[in-house]
Amino acid sequence: MSPKRFLISIVDDDTLVREAIAGLLRAYGFVPEAFASAASFLGSEIRHRTDCLIADVQMPGMSGIELFGQLVASGETVPTILVTAYANERDRRRALKAGVQSYLPKPFDECQLLACVRAALET
């Protein structure tokens, strides 16, 4: 029997960031699915099969923190990693207190992200 290939959903309005994260995860054996908005992720069937979510904090429409809150409110517990180019301590504390697994400021290196993904999958 082959080991489980984890499905990682990426939600980021920046195409280059989405593609870079997806490529990195694919290279390490994960199955990435990328979405340009929280609404497109929430409207997909992928959301119910996602093993880990990586979402940008600041996006048009719905932020990553709001996306996480909506998932929690609907009873879905998806280990979530928030990434942001506008890191601040108040948002980090708020996100972690709400149950977000990790909060990474951009730019981050691949080792940081992979460590966060692996930790999220262990929960």
Foldseek 3Di string as FASTA:
>chain_A
DDDDAAEEEEEDLDPVVQVVVCVLSVVVRHHYDYDNHLVVCVPDPVVVRHQEYEYEQDDPPAGPLRSCVVCVVVVHDHAYEYEYCDDDPVVQVVSVVVPHQYYYYPPDDSVVVVVSVVVRNVD
